[in-house]
N, C-alpha and C. Protein backbone atom coordinates (compact mmCIF):
# COMPACT_ATOMS: atom_id res chain seq x y z
N MET A 1 10.26 -2.73 16.54
CA MET A 1 11.10 -1.63 15.93
C MET A 1 10.18 -0.53 15.41
N THR A 2 10.48 0.78 15.72
CA THR A 2 9.58 1.84 15.33
C THR A 2 9.80 2.12 13.84
N ARG A 3 8.73 2.30 13.08
CA ARG A 3 8.82 2.60 11.72
C ARG A 3 8.46 4.11 11.62
N THR A 4 9.47 4.93 11.33
CA THR A 4 9.26 6.35 11.33
C THR A 4 8.54 6.77 10.05
N PRO A 5 7.39 7.44 10.16
CA PRO A 5 6.74 7.89 8.92
C PRO A 5 7.52 8.96 8.17
N ARG A 6 7.40 9.03 6.92
CA ARG A 6 8.11 10.00 6.09
C ARG A 6 7.17 10.71 5.11
N LYS A 7 7.54 11.87 4.67
CA LYS A 7 6.81 12.60 3.69
C LYS A 7 6.99 11.82 2.38
N PRO A 8 5.85 11.82 1.48
CA PRO A 8 6.07 11.39 0.15
C PRO A 8 6.91 12.41 -0.62
N LEU A 9 7.68 11.88 -1.63
CA LEU A 9 8.55 12.79 -2.33
C LEU A 9 7.85 13.95 -2.97
N TRP A 10 6.54 13.79 -3.44
CA TRP A 10 5.80 14.91 -4.06
C TRP A 10 5.51 15.99 -3.08
N ARG A 11 5.58 15.73 -1.71
CA ARG A 11 5.28 16.72 -0.76
C ARG A 11 6.60 17.35 -0.21
N TRP A 12 7.70 16.74 -0.52
CA TRP A 12 9.07 17.30 -0.08
C TRP A 12 9.29 18.66 -0.83
N GLU A 13 9.66 19.65 -0.08
CA GLU A 13 9.79 21.03 -0.59
C GLU A 13 10.63 21.02 -1.86
N PRO A 14 11.87 20.47 -1.83
CA PRO A 14 12.66 20.55 -3.09
C PRO A 14 12.25 19.62 -4.22
N GLY A 15 11.39 18.72 -3.90
CA GLY A 15 10.98 17.65 -4.84
C GLY A 15 10.53 18.17 -6.26
N PRO A 16 9.61 19.04 -6.28
CA PRO A 16 9.19 19.57 -7.71
C PRO A 16 10.32 20.31 -8.41
N TYR A 17 11.19 20.94 -7.73
CA TYR A 17 12.24 21.70 -8.42
C TYR A 17 13.41 20.67 -8.93
N LEU A 18 13.58 19.70 -8.13
CA LEU A 18 14.50 18.64 -8.56
C LEU A 18 13.96 17.90 -9.72
N LEU A 19 12.65 17.66 -9.80
CA LEU A 19 12.04 17.08 -10.95
C LEU A 19 12.26 17.86 -12.22
N LEU A 20 12.02 19.21 -12.09
CA LEU A 20 12.20 20.10 -13.15
C LEU A 20 13.62 20.14 -13.68
N ILE A 21 14.62 20.15 -12.77
CA ILE A 21 15.98 20.05 -13.11
C ILE A 21 16.30 18.83 -13.97
N LEU A 22 15.83 17.71 -13.45
CA LEU A 22 16.12 16.42 -14.11
C LEU A 22 15.43 16.44 -15.53
N LEU A 23 14.28 17.00 -15.64
CA LEU A 23 13.61 17.02 -16.94
C LEU A 23 14.39 17.94 -17.86
N LEU A 24 14.91 19.08 -17.36
CA LEU A 24 15.70 19.95 -18.16
C LEU A 24 16.97 19.29 -18.71
N ILE A 25 17.50 18.54 -17.71
CA ILE A 25 18.84 17.83 -18.10
C ILE A 25 18.46 16.73 -19.25
N ALA A 26 17.34 15.96 -18.93
CA ALA A 26 17.01 14.94 -19.86
C ALA A 26 16.68 15.41 -21.26
N THR A 27 15.91 16.61 -21.28
CA THR A 27 15.45 17.19 -22.53
C THR A 27 16.66 17.77 -23.33
N GLY A 28 17.58 18.38 -22.56
CA GLY A 28 18.79 18.95 -23.16
C GLY A 28 19.77 17.89 -23.77
N SER A 29 19.67 16.68 -23.20
CA SER A 29 20.63 15.63 -23.69
C SER A 29 20.17 14.85 -24.95
N ILE A 30 18.88 15.12 -25.32
CA ILE A 30 18.34 14.39 -26.54
C ILE A 30 18.38 15.21 -27.72
N PRO A 31 19.05 14.76 -28.79
CA PRO A 31 19.20 15.51 -30.02
C PRO A 31 17.74 15.52 -30.77
N PRO A 32 17.21 16.70 -30.92
CA PRO A 32 15.80 16.78 -31.49
C PRO A 32 15.72 16.23 -32.87
N ARG A 33 16.77 16.29 -33.72
CA ARG A 33 16.68 15.81 -35.09
C ARG A 33 16.64 14.32 -35.10
N ARG A 34 17.37 13.69 -34.28
CA ARG A 34 17.50 12.16 -34.27
C ARG A 34 16.39 11.53 -33.52
N LEU A 35 15.83 12.13 -32.42
CA LEU A 35 14.72 11.61 -31.76
C LEU A 35 13.62 12.58 -31.48
N PRO A 36 13.01 13.08 -32.65
CA PRO A 36 12.11 14.18 -32.47
C PRO A 36 10.92 13.95 -31.55
N VAL A 37 10.38 12.66 -31.65
CA VAL A 37 9.19 12.36 -30.85
C VAL A 37 9.43 12.41 -29.35
N LEU A 38 10.65 11.75 -28.95
CA LEU A 38 10.95 11.73 -27.55
C LEU A 38 11.25 13.15 -27.03
N TYR A 39 11.98 13.90 -27.87
CA TYR A 39 12.30 15.22 -27.57
C TYR A 39 11.05 16.15 -27.34
N THR A 40 10.15 15.98 -28.20
CA THR A 40 8.96 16.76 -28.15
C THR A 40 8.09 16.40 -26.86
N VAL A 41 8.00 15.11 -26.57
CA VAL A 41 7.26 14.63 -25.35
C VAL A 41 8.00 15.31 -24.12
N LEU A 42 9.23 15.09 -24.03
CA LEU A 42 9.99 15.63 -22.83
C LEU A 42 9.87 17.14 -22.80
N PHE A 43 9.94 17.84 -23.92
CA PHE A 43 9.76 19.28 -23.90
C PHE A 43 8.50 19.69 -23.34
N VAL A 44 7.44 19.01 -23.87
CA VAL A 44 6.08 19.39 -23.38
C VAL A 44 5.89 19.10 -21.92
N VAL A 45 6.41 17.99 -21.44
CA VAL A 45 6.29 17.66 -19.94
C VAL A 45 6.99 18.69 -19.16
N THR A 46 8.22 19.00 -19.64
CA THR A 46 9.03 20.01 -18.89
C THR A 46 8.36 21.37 -18.87
N ALA A 47 7.69 21.77 -19.95
CA ALA A 47 7.03 23.03 -19.97
C ALA A 47 5.90 23.01 -18.96
N VAL A 48 5.18 21.93 -18.96
CA VAL A 48 3.96 21.72 -18.09
C VAL A 48 4.33 21.85 -16.63
N VAL A 49 5.49 21.13 -16.33
CA VAL A 49 5.92 21.18 -14.87
C VAL A 49 6.43 22.56 -14.56
N ALA A 50 7.09 23.26 -15.49
CA ALA A 50 7.50 24.57 -15.13
C ALA A 50 6.38 25.51 -14.89
N VAL A 51 5.31 25.42 -15.76
CA VAL A 51 4.10 26.28 -15.61
C VAL A 51 3.46 26.01 -14.33
N VAL A 52 3.34 24.69 -13.99
CA VAL A 52 2.68 24.42 -12.72
C VAL A 52 3.45 24.99 -11.50
N LEU A 53 4.72 24.81 -11.46
CA LEU A 53 5.50 25.41 -10.49
C LEU A 53 5.42 26.96 -10.32
N LEU A 54 5.30 27.58 -11.47
CA LEU A 54 5.16 29.01 -11.50
C LEU A 54 3.79 29.44 -10.91
N VAL A 55 2.72 28.71 -11.22
CA VAL A 55 1.50 28.99 -10.73
C VAL A 55 1.48 28.80 -9.17
N LEU A 56 2.16 27.71 -8.68
CA LEU A 56 2.12 27.43 -7.25
C LEU A 56 2.89 28.56 -6.55
N LEU A 57 3.99 28.97 -7.17
CA LEU A 57 4.82 30.14 -6.53
C LEU A 57 3.93 31.36 -6.48
N VAL A 58 3.18 31.72 -7.55
CA VAL A 58 2.29 32.89 -7.48
C VAL A 58 1.20 32.78 -6.47
N ARG A 59 0.59 31.57 -6.39
CA ARG A 59 -0.45 31.36 -5.39
C ARG A 59 0.09 31.52 -3.97
N HIS A 60 1.28 30.93 -3.70
CA HIS A 60 1.90 31.05 -2.47
C HIS A 60 2.19 32.37 -1.99
N GLY A 61 2.61 33.18 -3.01
CA GLY A 61 2.88 34.66 -2.75
C GLY A 61 1.63 35.47 -2.44
N LEU A 62 0.60 35.21 -3.18
CA LEU A 62 -0.70 35.82 -2.88
C LEU A 62 -1.37 35.39 -1.58
N ARG A 63 -1.21 34.14 -1.20
CA ARG A 63 -1.82 33.63 -0.03
C ARG A 63 -1.10 34.14 1.18
N GLY A 64 0.20 34.37 1.17
CA GLY A 64 0.97 34.83 2.29
C GLY A 64 1.42 33.69 3.15
N LYS A 65 1.81 34.00 4.30
CA LYS A 65 2.38 33.05 5.29
C LYS A 65 1.32 32.02 5.79
N ARG A 66 1.72 30.72 5.66
CA ARG A 66 0.88 29.63 6.03
C ARG A 66 1.09 29.37 7.50
N ASN A 67 -0.04 28.84 8.12
CA ASN A 67 0.03 28.47 9.54
C ASN A 67 -0.76 27.23 9.70
N PRO A 68 -0.16 26.08 9.87
CA PRO A 68 1.22 25.84 10.05
C PRO A 68 2.05 25.99 8.62
N ASP A 69 3.36 26.24 8.76
CA ASP A 69 4.02 26.42 7.44
C ASP A 69 4.31 25.11 6.70
N SER A 70 5.14 25.12 5.63
CA SER A 70 5.29 23.92 4.79
C SER A 70 6.03 22.80 5.60
N ALA A 71 6.67 23.10 6.76
CA ALA A 71 7.27 22.09 7.57
C ALA A 71 6.36 21.67 8.71
N GLY A 72 5.18 22.21 8.75
CA GLY A 72 4.17 21.76 9.75
C GLY A 72 4.44 22.51 11.06
N ILE A 73 5.16 23.59 11.05
CA ILE A 73 5.45 24.31 12.31
C ILE A 73 4.45 25.51 12.50
N LEU A 74 3.86 25.62 13.66
CA LEU A 74 2.95 26.69 13.92
C LEU A 74 3.69 28.03 14.04
N ASN A 75 3.16 29.12 13.62
CA ASN A 75 3.68 30.44 13.85
C ASN A 75 2.80 31.34 14.74
N SER A 76 1.55 30.89 14.91
CA SER A 76 0.59 31.62 15.84
C SER A 76 -0.54 30.66 16.12
N LEU A 77 -1.33 31.13 17.07
CA LEU A 77 -2.55 30.32 17.39
C LEU A 77 -3.86 30.95 16.79
N ASP A 78 -3.64 31.96 15.99
CA ASP A 78 -4.82 32.63 15.42
C ASP A 78 -5.62 31.67 14.50
N GLY A 79 -6.96 31.62 14.84
CA GLY A 79 -7.85 30.76 14.01
C GLY A 79 -7.70 29.28 14.40
N LEU A 80 -7.02 29.03 15.42
CA LEU A 80 -6.91 27.58 15.88
C LEU A 80 -7.74 27.28 17.08
N GLU A 81 -8.22 26.07 17.18
CA GLU A 81 -8.90 25.64 18.45
C GLU A 81 -7.87 24.74 19.19
N LEU A 82 -7.77 25.01 20.51
CA LEU A 82 -6.87 24.20 21.29
C LEU A 82 -7.73 23.15 22.11
N VAL A 83 -7.38 21.97 22.09
CA VAL A 83 -7.94 20.87 22.86
C VAL A 83 -7.08 20.45 24.00
N PRO A 84 -7.43 20.86 25.17
CA PRO A 84 -6.52 20.78 26.34
C PRO A 84 -6.54 19.33 26.87
N LEU A 85 -5.42 18.87 27.31
CA LEU A 85 -5.31 17.60 28.04
C LEU A 85 -5.18 17.91 29.49
N GLY A 86 -5.81 17.15 30.42
CA GLY A 86 -5.66 17.32 31.78
C GLY A 86 -4.34 16.66 32.23
N ALA A 87 -3.92 17.09 33.41
CA ALA A 87 -2.65 16.49 34.01
C ALA A 87 -2.97 15.12 34.60
N THR A 88 -2.01 14.23 34.44
CA THR A 88 -2.12 12.75 34.99
C THR A 88 -0.89 12.47 35.72
N ASP A 89 -0.84 11.25 36.34
CA ASP A 89 0.33 10.68 36.88
C ASP A 89 1.10 9.69 36.06
N ALA A 90 0.73 9.71 34.72
CA ALA A 90 1.42 8.75 33.80
C ALA A 90 2.85 9.24 33.63
N PRO A 91 3.70 8.30 33.13
CA PRO A 91 5.07 8.57 32.88
C PRO A 91 5.17 9.82 31.85
N ILE A 92 6.09 10.65 32.11
CA ILE A 92 6.25 11.90 31.22
C ILE A 92 6.95 11.48 29.92
N THR A 93 6.78 12.31 28.93
CA THR A 93 7.43 12.16 27.63
C THR A 93 8.51 13.27 27.40
N PRO A 94 9.69 12.89 27.31
CA PRO A 94 10.75 13.93 27.13
C PRO A 94 10.73 14.40 25.65
N VAL A 95 10.89 15.75 25.46
CA VAL A 95 10.83 16.30 24.07
C VAL A 95 12.22 16.19 23.48
N ALA A 96 12.33 15.73 22.28
CA ALA A 96 13.63 15.62 21.59
C ALA A 96 14.03 16.91 20.82
N ASP A 97 15.27 17.12 20.63
CA ASP A 97 15.84 18.20 19.85
C ASP A 97 15.77 19.51 20.56
N THR A 98 15.62 19.54 21.93
CA THR A 98 15.51 20.80 22.59
C THR A 98 16.93 21.54 22.59
N ALA A 99 17.96 20.84 22.32
CA ALA A 99 19.22 21.50 22.33
C ALA A 99 19.34 22.53 21.17
N ARG A 100 18.48 22.32 20.14
CA ARG A 100 18.48 23.25 19.00
C ARG A 100 17.56 24.49 19.32
N HIS A 101 16.85 24.49 20.40
CA HIS A 101 15.93 25.59 20.67
C HIS A 101 16.08 26.14 21.98
N GLN A 102 17.26 26.30 22.44
CA GLN A 102 17.50 26.87 23.77
C GLN A 102 17.08 28.28 23.94
N ALA A 103 17.26 29.12 22.91
CA ALA A 103 16.88 30.48 23.01
C ALA A 103 15.30 30.59 23.11
N ALA A 104 14.58 29.73 22.41
CA ALA A 104 13.12 29.75 22.57
C ALA A 104 12.73 29.34 24.02
N LEU A 105 13.39 28.24 24.51
CA LEU A 105 13.13 27.84 25.87
C LEU A 105 13.45 28.82 26.93
N GLU A 106 14.51 29.55 26.72
CA GLU A 106 14.86 30.53 27.64
C GLU A 106 13.79 31.72 27.65
N SER A 107 13.34 32.08 26.46
CA SER A 107 12.32 33.15 26.41
C SER A 107 11.01 32.67 27.04
N VAL A 108 10.58 31.46 26.86
CA VAL A 108 9.41 30.98 27.49
C VAL A 108 9.62 30.95 29.04
N ARG A 109 10.78 30.43 29.49
CA ARG A 109 10.98 30.39 30.95
C ARG A 109 10.88 31.78 31.61
N VAL A 110 11.40 32.83 30.96
CA VAL A 110 11.38 34.12 31.40
C VAL A 110 9.99 34.75 31.43
N ARG A 111 9.20 34.33 30.40
CA ARG A 111 7.89 34.99 30.24
C ARG A 111 6.80 34.33 31.08
N VAL A 112 6.88 32.95 31.10
CA VAL A 112 5.67 32.26 31.83
C VAL A 112 6.11 31.30 32.86
N GLY A 113 7.44 31.10 33.12
CA GLY A 113 7.95 30.13 34.18
C GLY A 113 8.23 28.74 33.59
N SER A 114 8.28 27.82 34.59
CA SER A 114 8.66 26.48 34.12
C SER A 114 7.60 25.52 33.85
N SER A 115 6.33 25.93 33.77
CA SER A 115 5.24 25.08 33.56
C SER A 115 4.31 25.61 32.44
N PRO A 116 4.87 25.71 31.18
CA PRO A 116 4.03 26.26 30.06
C PRO A 116 3.12 25.30 29.50
N ILE A 117 2.25 25.71 28.66
CA ILE A 117 1.36 24.89 27.90
C ILE A 117 2.11 24.52 26.61
N ALA A 118 2.07 23.20 26.30
CA ALA A 118 2.66 22.70 25.11
C ALA A 118 1.61 22.44 24.06
N VAL A 119 1.83 22.80 22.82
CA VAL A 119 0.83 22.64 21.74
C VAL A 119 1.54 21.59 20.67
N LEU A 120 0.80 20.51 20.30
CA LEU A 120 1.36 19.56 19.47
C LEU A 120 0.84 19.76 18.00
N ALA A 121 1.75 19.70 17.10
CA ALA A 121 1.40 19.89 15.65
C ALA A 121 1.98 18.63 14.89
N PRO A 122 1.00 17.85 14.26
CA PRO A 122 1.41 16.63 13.54
C PRO A 122 2.02 16.95 12.15
N ASP A 123 2.53 15.92 11.54
CA ASP A 123 3.04 16.04 10.18
C ASP A 123 4.10 17.10 10.01
N ALA A 124 4.95 17.26 11.09
CA ALA A 124 5.99 18.33 11.01
C ALA A 124 7.31 17.62 10.64
N THR A 125 8.20 18.49 10.09
CA THR A 125 9.50 18.02 9.79
C THR A 125 10.57 19.16 10.09
N ARG A 126 11.74 18.63 10.18
CA ARG A 126 12.84 19.70 10.23
C ARG A 126 13.02 20.21 8.75
N TRP A 127 13.66 21.32 8.67
CA TRP A 127 13.78 21.99 7.39
C TRP A 127 14.35 21.13 6.30
N LEU A 128 13.60 20.92 5.22
CA LEU A 128 14.07 20.09 4.02
C LEU A 128 14.17 18.65 4.36
N ALA A 129 13.65 18.20 5.46
CA ALA A 129 13.66 16.75 5.79
C ALA A 129 12.51 15.96 5.41
N LEU A 130 12.60 14.68 5.21
CA LEU A 130 11.40 13.85 4.85
C LEU A 130 10.78 13.12 6.03
N ARG A 131 11.50 13.02 7.21
CA ARG A 131 10.95 12.30 8.33
C ARG A 131 9.95 13.17 8.97
N ILE A 132 8.70 12.51 9.17
CA ILE A 132 7.58 13.18 9.78
C ILE A 132 7.62 12.95 11.29
N ARG A 133 7.36 14.12 11.98
CA ARG A 133 7.39 14.07 13.46
C ARG A 133 6.25 14.88 13.90
N ILE A 134 6.04 14.88 15.26
CA ILE A 134 5.08 15.68 15.89
C ILE A 134 5.80 16.91 16.57
N ALA A 135 5.60 18.09 16.15
CA ALA A 135 6.32 19.20 16.63
C ALA A 135 5.68 19.67 17.98
N VAL A 136 6.50 20.09 18.85
CA VAL A 136 6.11 20.72 20.18
C VAL A 136 6.38 22.16 20.22
N HIS A 137 5.30 22.89 20.58
CA HIS A 137 5.38 24.39 20.66
C HIS A 137 5.01 24.82 22.15
N LEU A 138 5.54 25.83 22.57
CA LEU A 138 5.17 26.36 23.92
C LEU A 138 4.53 27.67 23.70
N VAL A 139 3.48 27.98 24.59
CA VAL A 139 2.66 29.17 24.44
C VAL A 139 3.17 30.11 25.55
N ALA A 140 3.51 31.33 25.15
CA ALA A 140 3.97 32.30 26.16
C ALA A 140 3.23 33.63 25.77
N GLY A 141 2.19 33.92 26.40
CA GLY A 141 1.36 35.17 25.99
C GLY A 141 0.77 34.97 24.69
N ASP A 142 1.03 35.93 23.77
CA ASP A 142 0.47 35.80 22.34
C ASP A 142 1.43 35.21 21.48
N ARG A 143 2.57 34.58 21.95
CA ARG A 143 3.55 34.02 21.06
C ARG A 143 3.63 32.47 21.18
N VAL A 144 4.05 31.83 20.06
CA VAL A 144 4.20 30.42 20.04
C VAL A 144 5.62 30.17 19.70
N TYR A 145 6.33 29.30 20.44
CA TYR A 145 7.70 28.96 20.21
C TYR A 145 7.82 27.45 19.85
N HIS A 146 8.47 27.18 18.74
CA HIS A 146 8.72 25.76 18.42
C HIS A 146 10.02 25.33 19.24
N VAL A 147 9.87 24.24 20.02
CA VAL A 147 11.04 23.90 20.87
C VAL A 147 11.54 22.50 20.76
N GLY A 148 10.93 21.65 19.81
CA GLY A 148 11.39 20.37 19.56
C GLY A 148 10.32 19.46 18.99
N PHE A 149 10.55 18.19 19.13
CA PHE A 149 9.65 17.18 18.60
C PHE A 149 9.41 16.08 19.64
N LEU A 150 8.23 15.41 19.59
CA LEU A 150 8.02 14.17 20.35
C LEU A 150 8.90 13.02 19.82
N PRO A 151 9.22 12.04 20.71
CA PRO A 151 10.01 10.91 20.16
C PRO A 151 9.32 10.14 19.09
N ASP A 152 10.08 9.44 18.30
CA ASP A 152 9.53 8.71 17.10
C ASP A 152 8.41 7.77 17.52
N ARG A 153 8.55 7.11 18.62
CA ARG A 153 7.55 6.14 19.02
C ARG A 153 6.18 6.84 19.22
N ALA A 154 6.26 7.99 19.80
CA ALA A 154 5.01 8.76 20.04
C ALA A 154 4.42 9.30 18.75
N THR A 155 5.31 9.63 17.80
CA THR A 155 4.79 10.08 16.46
C THR A 155 4.12 8.95 15.78
N GLU A 156 4.68 7.73 15.85
CA GLU A 156 4.11 6.59 15.19
C GLU A 156 2.72 6.32 15.85
N ARG A 157 2.53 6.58 17.07
CA ARG A 157 1.32 6.24 17.81
C ARG A 157 0.22 7.19 17.62
N TYR A 158 0.60 8.56 17.64
CA TYR A 158 -0.33 9.62 17.73
C TYR A 158 -0.52 10.48 16.55
N ASN A 159 0.38 10.34 15.53
CA ASN A 159 0.37 11.40 14.42
C ASN A 159 -0.94 11.39 13.64
N GLU A 160 -1.42 10.13 13.45
CA GLU A 160 -2.66 10.05 12.68
C GLU A 160 -3.86 10.70 13.33
N GLY A 161 -3.93 10.36 14.60
CA GLY A 161 -5.10 10.99 15.39
C GLY A 161 -4.98 12.55 15.49
N LEU A 162 -3.78 13.02 15.74
CA LEU A 162 -3.61 14.49 15.70
C LEU A 162 -3.77 15.11 14.36
N ARG A 163 -3.55 14.38 13.24
CA ARG A 163 -3.72 14.84 11.90
C ARG A 163 -5.22 15.06 11.69
N ALA A 164 -6.05 14.11 12.13
CA ALA A 164 -7.48 14.21 12.00
C ALA A 164 -8.04 15.41 12.67
N LEU A 165 -7.46 15.81 13.87
CA LEU A 165 -7.94 17.00 14.58
C LEU A 165 -7.43 18.29 13.81
N ALA A 166 -6.16 18.26 13.33
CA ALA A 166 -5.59 19.40 12.64
C ALA A 166 -6.38 19.68 11.34
N ALA A 167 -7.00 18.64 10.74
CA ALA A 167 -7.78 18.94 9.56
C ALA A 167 -8.94 19.86 9.75
N ARG A 168 -9.46 19.99 11.03
CA ARG A 168 -10.44 20.91 11.37
C ARG A 168 -9.88 22.08 12.21
N ARG A 169 -8.52 22.33 12.19
CA ARG A 169 -7.85 23.38 12.78
C ARG A 169 -7.94 23.26 14.26
N ALA A 170 -7.89 22.02 14.82
CA ALA A 170 -7.86 21.81 16.24
C ALA A 170 -6.52 21.18 16.61
N TYR A 171 -5.89 21.66 17.62
CA TYR A 171 -4.59 21.20 18.05
C TYR A 171 -4.64 20.93 19.55
N VAL A 172 -3.99 19.77 19.94
CA VAL A 172 -3.95 19.34 21.38
C VAL A 172 -2.92 20.19 22.11
N SER A 173 -3.37 20.61 23.30
CA SER A 173 -2.44 21.26 24.19
C SER A 173 -2.22 20.44 25.42
N ALA A 174 -0.99 20.39 25.97
CA ALA A 174 -0.72 19.46 27.09
C ALA A 174 0.09 20.16 28.11
N PRO A 175 -0.08 19.67 29.33
CA PRO A 175 0.80 20.21 30.48
C PRO A 175 2.24 19.90 30.16
N SER A 176 3.17 20.79 30.56
CA SER A 176 4.55 20.48 30.31
C SER A 176 5.39 21.05 31.44
N THR A 177 6.55 20.58 31.65
CA THR A 177 7.48 21.08 32.64
C THR A 177 8.89 21.21 32.10
N MET A 178 9.45 22.43 32.23
CA MET A 178 10.78 22.63 31.84
C MET A 178 11.84 22.11 32.87
N THR A 179 12.87 21.43 32.40
CA THR A 179 13.90 20.77 33.28
C THR A 179 15.27 21.55 33.00
N GLY A 180 16.20 21.23 33.91
CA GLY A 180 17.47 21.80 33.73
C GLY A 180 17.57 23.32 33.98
N ALA A 181 18.57 23.89 33.48
CA ALA A 181 18.81 25.37 33.71
C ALA A 181 19.66 25.81 32.59
N ALA A 182 19.63 27.14 32.28
CA ALA A 182 20.36 27.73 31.15
C ALA A 182 21.85 27.33 31.32
N PRO A 183 22.60 26.97 30.25
CA PRO A 183 22.00 26.96 28.86
C PRO A 183 21.61 25.64 28.28
N ARG A 184 21.18 24.77 29.24
CA ARG A 184 20.74 23.43 28.86
C ARG A 184 19.37 23.05 29.28
N TYR A 185 18.35 23.70 28.83
CA TYR A 185 16.99 23.37 29.26
C TYR A 185 16.52 22.14 28.54
N GLY A 186 15.67 21.45 29.23
CA GLY A 186 14.91 20.34 28.57
C GLY A 186 13.42 20.57 28.80
N LEU A 187 12.60 19.65 28.23
CA LEU A 187 11.10 19.74 28.34
C LEU A 187 10.51 18.40 28.45
N ASP A 188 9.66 18.19 29.49
CA ASP A 188 8.81 17.05 29.55
C ASP A 188 7.35 17.36 29.37
N VAL A 189 6.62 16.61 28.63
CA VAL A 189 5.20 16.77 28.40
C VAL A 189 4.31 15.62 29.05
N ASP A 190 3.19 15.98 29.53
CA ASP A 190 2.29 14.90 30.04
C ASP A 190 1.29 14.53 29.06
N LEU A 191 1.50 13.40 28.42
CA LEU A 191 0.57 12.91 27.46
C LEU A 191 -0.41 11.76 27.87
N GLY A 192 -0.43 11.65 29.26
CA GLY A 192 -1.23 10.47 29.78
C GLY A 192 -2.68 10.47 29.35
N ALA A 193 -3.27 11.62 29.07
CA ALA A 193 -4.72 11.61 28.67
C ALA A 193 -4.85 11.59 27.15
N LEU A 194 -3.80 11.56 26.40
CA LEU A 194 -3.93 11.67 24.94
C LEU A 194 -4.48 10.35 24.32
N PRO A 195 -4.11 9.18 24.78
CA PRO A 195 -4.71 8.02 24.17
C PRO A 195 -6.20 7.98 24.26
N ALA A 196 -6.75 8.38 25.38
CA ALA A 196 -8.25 8.37 25.49
C ALA A 196 -8.87 9.42 24.62
N LEU A 197 -8.18 10.59 24.40
CA LEU A 197 -8.76 11.61 23.58
C LEU A 197 -8.77 11.12 22.16
N LEU A 198 -7.76 10.54 21.68
CA LEU A 198 -7.53 10.02 20.31
C LEU A 198 -8.14 8.62 20.02
N GLY A 199 -8.52 7.95 21.07
CA GLY A 199 -9.14 6.62 20.92
C GLY A 199 -8.07 5.59 20.60
N THR A 200 -6.83 5.78 21.01
CA THR A 200 -5.77 4.81 20.66
C THR A 200 -5.67 3.81 21.75
N GLY A 201 -6.26 3.97 22.87
CA GLY A 201 -6.25 2.99 24.02
C GLY A 201 -4.99 2.86 24.65
N GLY A 202 -5.00 2.15 25.83
CA GLY A 202 -3.76 1.94 26.51
C GLY A 202 -3.46 3.17 27.40
N SER A 203 -2.64 2.83 28.44
CA SER A 203 -2.27 3.89 29.30
C SER A 203 -0.78 4.11 29.51
N GLU A 204 -0.01 3.16 28.88
CA GLU A 204 1.47 3.37 28.93
C GLU A 204 1.97 4.34 27.88
N GLU A 205 2.66 5.35 28.29
CA GLU A 205 3.07 6.38 27.39
C GLU A 205 4.12 5.91 26.40
N ALA A 206 4.02 6.50 25.19
CA ALA A 206 5.00 6.20 24.19
C ALA A 206 6.25 6.96 24.54
N ARG A 207 7.39 6.24 24.50
CA ARG A 207 8.65 6.79 24.81
C ARG A 207 9.68 6.52 23.76
N ALA A 208 10.81 7.28 23.81
CA ALA A 208 11.84 7.13 22.81
C ALA A 208 12.47 5.78 22.90
């Protein structure tokens, strides 16, 4: 049975704000005259959390748009190194959640055809989700389109190795083939060479 990796709560985008709300509720529910010590402690903790969040918001505003963003999705290839995989005759890996990204797939098909280059980004999630996945992007000229995620079994097998590469701003690119036709495109990626690159061993591809 596949164990899907998840973000720790302190890395979940709403987590710090929910903590602040809970602290405000807890502090407001304690009568300061009856329990002055507990009230003071909670008040100080709440104030510290609020200041930390404010500092983080200011830093985020000054730093500008992240790449990848807080959900692990790439918005460009600027400053990134691509590590290409060669084509193999191994079983293909179908990309999940492509139904949510038909417009992006259509744009890629029009711009570069049915055999685009796929770029894999580890530690990605859907918006406000805790479930960690490997995001799949397609390259079309100078643009990068997020089009879905690898299956959970592939995430379990490859996310750690891809994370090590991403730590030095290196991302794996793989051959891919678009399937179907508008308005129901799909995408298959060839990950046959990925186990050797990451040192995970084996030749059988991770499937859903």
